[in-house]
C-alpha atoms as a PDB file:
ATOM      1  CA  MET A   1      44.657  53.232 201.890  1.00  0.00           C
ATOM      2  CA  LYS A   2      43.886  56.915 202.293  1.00  0.00           C
ATOM      3  CA  LYS A   3      46.915  59.190 202.658  1.00  0.00           C
ATOM      4  CA  SER A   4      47.122  61.575 205.597  1.00  0.00           C
ATOM      5  CA  ARG A   5      46.702  65.228 204.651  1.00  0.00           C
ATOM      6  CA  ILE A   6      49.539  67.674 205.278  1.00  0.00           C
ATOM      7  CA  ALA A   7      48.841  71.405 204.937  1.00  0.00           C
ATOM      8  CA  ILE A   8      51.880  73.558 204.247  1.00  0.00           C
ATOM      9  CA  ASP A   9      52.189  77.323 204.456  1.00  0.00           C
ATOM     10  CA  LEU A  10      53.679  79.164 201.498  1.00  0.00           C
ATOM     11  CA  ASP A  11      55.614  82.361 202.266  1.00  0.00           C
ATOM     12  CA  GLU A  12      58.636  82.014 204.536  1.00  0.00           C
ATOM     13  CA  THR A  13      57.862  78.322 205.056  1.00  0.00           C
ATOM     14  CA  LEU A  14      58.580  77.010 201.543  1.00  0.00           C
ATOM     15  CA  GLY A  15      60.420  80.100 200.317  1.00  0.00           C
ATOM     16  CA  VAL A  16      59.910  83.698 199.251  1.00  0.00           C
ATOM     17  CA  THR A  17      58.716  85.525 196.181  1.00  0.00           C
ATOM     18  CA  VAL A  18      61.126  87.241 193.839  1.00  0.00           C
ATOM     19  CA  THR A  19      59.953  90.630 192.593  1.00  0.00           C
ATOM     20  CA  ASP A  20      61.156  93.256 190.160  1.00  0.00           C
ATOM     21  CA  SER A  21      59.823  96.020 192.450  1.00  0.00           C
ATOM     22  CA  THR A  22      56.428  96.046 190.719  1.00  0.00           C
ATOM     23  CA  SER A  23      55.414  92.425 190.262  1.00  0.00           C
ATOM     24  CA  VAL A  24      56.189  88.848 191.234  1.00  0.00           C
ATOM     25  CA  ILE A  25      58.649  87.313 188.780  1.00  0.00           C
ATOM     26  CA  GLY A  26      59.541  84.098 190.606  1.00  0.00           C
ATOM     27  CA  PHE A  27      59.559  82.090 193.804  1.00  0.00           C
ATOM     28  CA  ARG A  28      62.822  81.167 195.564  1.00  0.00           C
ATOM     29  CA  LEU A  29      62.498  77.791 197.285  1.00  0.00           C
ATOM     30  CA  ARG A  30      64.358  77.126 200.513  1.00  0.00           C
ATOM     31  CA  ASP A  31      67.317  74.777 200.656  1.00  0.00           C
ATOM     32  CA  GLY A  32      66.053  71.196 200.567  1.00  0.00           C
ATOM     33  CA  CYS A  33      62.505  72.178 199.612  1.00  0.00           C
ATOM     34  CA  THR A  34      62.150  70.244 196.357  1.00  0.00           C
ATOM     35  CA  GLU A  35      63.625  67.070 197.832  1.00  0.00           C
ATOM     36  CA  LEU A  36      61.422  67.321 200.926  1.00  0.00           C
ATOM     37  CA  LEU A  37      58.250  67.931 198.910  1.00  0.00           C
ATOM     38  CA  ASN A  38      59.030  64.915 196.721  1.00  0.00           C
ATOM     39  CA  ARG A  39      59.469  62.675 199.782  1.00  0.00           C
ATOM     40  CA  LEU A  40      56.333  64.024 201.454  1.00  0.00           C
ATOM     41  CA  LYS A  41      54.294  63.744 198.256  1.00  0.00           C
ATOM     42  CA  SER A  42      55.017  60.018 198.053  1.00  0.00           C
ATOM     43  CA  LYS A  43      53.514  59.424 201.524  1.00  0.00           C
ATOM     44  CA  TYR A  44      50.988  62.227 202.039  1.00  0.00           C
ATOM     45  CA  HIS A  45      48.327  64.274 200.284  1.00  0.00           C
ATOM     46  CA  LEU A  46      49.873  67.767 200.242  1.00  0.00           C
ATOM     47  CA  VAL A  47      47.728  70.881 200.586  1.00  0.00           C
ATOM     48  CA  LEU A  48      49.075  74.420 200.177  1.00  0.00           C
ATOM     49  CA  TRP A  49      47.494  76.949 202.542  1.00  0.00           C
ATOM     50  CA  THR A  50      48.294  80.664 202.552  1.00  0.00           C
ATOM     51  CA  VAL A  51      46.698  83.792 203.968  1.00  0.00           C
ATOM     52  CA  ALA A  52      47.604  85.561 200.718  1.00  0.00           C
ATOM     53  CA  SER A  53      45.061  86.232 197.984  1.00  0.00           C
ATOM     54  CA  ARG A  54      44.035  83.645 195.395  1.00  0.00           C
ATOM     55  CA  SER A  55      45.579  85.694 192.561  1.00  0.00           C
ATOM     56  CA  TYR A  56      48.926  85.801 194.406  1.00  0.00           C
ATOM     57  CA  LEU A  57      48.746  82.074 195.136  1.00  0.00           C
ATOM     58  CA  ASN A  58      47.982  81.228 191.515  1.00  0.00           C
ATOM     59  CA  LYS A  59      50.923  83.318 190.338  1.00  0.00           C
ATOM     60  CA  VAL A  60      53.315  81.622 192.769  1.00  0.00           C
ATOM     61  CA  LEU A  61      52.040  78.165 191.808  1.00  0.00           C
ATOM     62  CA  SER A  62      53.071  78.878 188.220  1.00  0.00           C
ATOM     63  CA  PHE A  63      56.724  79.023 189.324  1.00  0.00           C
ATOM     64  CA  GLY A  64      57.014  75.286 189.960  1.00  0.00           C
ATOM     65  CA  LEU A  65      54.879  74.428 192.978  1.00  0.00           C
ATOM     66  CA  LYS A  66      51.658  73.366 191.231  1.00  0.00           C
ATOM     67  CA  ASP A  67      52.929  69.812 190.645  1.00  0.00           C
ATOM     68  CA  TYR A  68      53.172  69.225 194.392  1.00  0.00           C
ATOM     69  CA  PHE A  69      49.789  70.620 195.404  1.00  0.00           C
ATOM     70  CA  LYS A  70      46.551  69.511 193.750  1.00  0.00           C
ATOM     71  CA  GLU A  71      44.604  71.287 196.486  1.00  0.00           C
ATOM     72  CA  THR A  72      45.207  74.868 197.615  1.00  0.00           C
ATOM     73  CA  TYR A  73      43.576  77.372 199.963  1.00  0.00           C
ATOM     74  CA  SER A  74      43.985  81.138 200.089  1.00  0.00           C
ATOM     75  CA  TRP A  75      42.586  84.002 202.135  1.00  0.00           C
ATOM     76  CA  ASP A  76      39.840  84.293 199.523  1.00  0.00           C
ATOM     77  CA  ASP A  77      38.779  80.733 200.393  1.00  0.00           C
ATOM     78  CA  ILE A  78      39.161  80.808 204.192  1.00  0.00           C
ATOM     79  CA  GLU A  79      39.198  84.200 205.916  1.00  0.00           C
ATOM     80  CA  GLU A  80      40.546  83.274 209.336  1.00  0.00           C
ATOM     81  CA  SER A  81      43.646  84.456 211.138  1.00  0.00           C
ATOM     82  CA  TRP A  82      44.264  80.998 212.623  1.00  0.00           C
ATOM     83  CA  LYS A  83      44.885  78.023 210.349  1.00  0.00           C
ATOM     84  CA  ASP A  84      42.608  75.469 211.996  1.00  0.00           C
ATOM     85  CA  ILE A  85      43.478  72.177 210.304  1.00  0.00           C
ATOM     86  CA  ARG A  86      39.984  70.880 210.989  1.00  0.00           C
ATOM     87  CA  ASN A  87      38.602  73.385 208.459  1.00  0.00           C
ATOM     88  CA  ILE A  88      40.343  71.560 205.608  1.00  0.00           C
ATOM     89  CA  ASN A  89      40.462  68.064 207.128  1.00  0.00           C
ATOM     90  CA  ALA A  90      44.248  68.136 207.411  1.00  0.00           C
ATOM     91  CA  ASP A  91      46.195  65.973 209.826  1.00  0.00           C
ATOM     92  CA  PHE A  92      49.153  68.362 210.168  1.00  0.00           C
ATOM     93  CA  LEU A  93      50.116  71.948 209.394  1.00  0.00           C
ATOM     94  CA  ILE A  94      53.681  72.965 208.591  1.00  0.00           C
ATOM     95  CA  ASP A  95      54.120  76.717 209.097  1.00  0.00           C
ATOM     96  CA  ASP A  96      56.700  79.277 210.183  1.00  0.00           C
ATOM     97  CA  ASP A  97      54.293  81.235 212.436  1.00  0.00           C
ATOM     98  CA  GLU A  98      54.228  80.085 216.064  1.00  0.00           C
ATOM     99  CA  TYR A  99      50.872  81.833 216.505  1.00  0.00           C
ATOM    100  CA  HIS A 100      49.113  78.881 214.879  1.00  0.00           C
ATOM    101  CA  TRP A 101      50.703  76.433 217.343  1.00  0.00           C
ATOM    102  CA  GLU A 102      49.750  78.636 220.293  1.00  0.00           C
ATOM    103  CA  VAL A 103      46.076  78.761 219.259  1.00  0.00           C
ATOM    104  CA  ALA A 104      46.109  75.040 218.414  1.00  0.00           C
ATOM    105  CA  LYS A 105      47.354  74.318 221.936  1.00  0.00           C
ATOM    106  CA  LYS A 106      44.184  75.905 223.342  1.00  0.00           C
ATOM    107  CA  HIS A 107      42.230  73.278 221.375  1.00  0.00           C
ATOM    108  CA  GLY A 108      44.510  70.346 222.250  1.00  0.00           C
ATOM    109  CA  LEU A 109      45.858  70.168 218.679  1.00  0.00           C
ATOM    110  CA  GLU A 110      49.416  71.400 219.180  1.00  0.00           C
ATOM    111  CA  SER A 111      50.983  68.039 218.269  1.00  0.00           C
ATOM    112  CA  ASN A 112      49.506  68.446 214.779  1.00  0.00           C
ATOM    113  CA  TYR A 113      51.313  71.749 214.144  1.00  0.00           C
ATOM    114  CA  ILE A 114      54.937  71.704 213.028  1.00  0.00           C
ATOM    115  CA  ILE A 115      56.495  75.145 213.379  1.00  0.00           C
ATOM    116  CA  VAL A 116      59.747  75.651 211.485  1.00  0.00           C
ATOM    117  CA  PRO A 117      62.115  78.637 211.469  1.00  0.00           C
ATOM    118  CA  ALA A 118      61.111  81.241 208.899  1.00  0.00           C
ATOM    119  CA  TYR A 119      63.177  81.374 205.730  1.00  0.00           C
ATOM    120  CA  GLY A 120      65.968  83.903 206.235  1.00  0.00           C
ATOM    121  CA  SER A 121      65.560  84.041 210.025  1.00  0.00           C
ATOM    122  CA  PRO A 122      68.689  83.827 212.241  1.00  0.00           C
ATOM    123  CA  GLU A 123      67.868  80.145 212.995  1.00  0.00           C
ATOM    124  CA  ASP A 124      67.528  79.438 209.283  1.00  0.00           C
ATOM    125  CA  GLN A 125      70.805  81.167 208.495  1.00  0.00           C
ATOM    126  CA  ASP A 126      72.588  79.137 211.202  1.00  0.00           C
ATOM    127  CA  ASP A 127      71.279  75.838 209.774  1.00  0.00           C
ATOM    128  CA  PRO A 128      69.452  76.195 206.426  1.00  0.00           C
ATOM    129  CA  LEU A 129      68.290  72.558 206.548  1.00  0.00           C
ATOM    130  CA  ARG A 130      67.018  72.625 210.134  1.00  0.00           C
ATOM    131  CA  TRP A 131      63.437  73.018 208.902  1.00  0.00           C
ATOM    132  CA  VAL A 132      63.772  69.875 206.764  1.00  0.00           C
ATOM    133  CA  LYS A 133      65.198  67.897 209.686  1.00  0.00           C
ATOM    134  CA  GLN A 134      62.306  68.995 211.942  1.00  0.00           C
ATOM    135  CA  ILE A 135      59.714  67.844 209.434  1.00  0.00           C
ATOM    136  CA  GLU A 136      61.503  64.579 208.677  1.00  0.00           C
ATOM    137  CA  GLU A 137      61.722  63.688 212.385  1.00  0.00           C
ATOM    138  CA  ILE A 138      57.950  63.934 212.693  1.00  0.00           C
ATOM    139  CA  LEU A 139      56.600  62.851 209.314  1.00  0.00           C
ATOM    140  CA  LEU A 140      59.187  60.650 207.564  1.00  0.00           C
END
């Protein structure tokens, strides 16, 4: 049986980069991220999708995310401001940017877009695992 495809945004959805003021030296995952990715990976084909460059994406993948995502897309691959899941044959998109949901709604796809609070936002600080609970309610 073919697994459904879940596209997941990188920055502020899964975590944030750690820098030394000149270069990326790590990636800080959100609370619950590793556990959630492991549960999702067992049921879904996970795709990482970012509007960052391919070189940035490759660097971040080297900090522990590459084992979760066998398929990745960057701005260098798809130069569009809206993450249209149909472009990569995904069934869902998990992102922190409500813009994608708003555009998806115009195409009748809003139920396929899961918008979570951005990492470090006031909502995230109030309940650091709220994003995990949102995703679990819909996908697990």
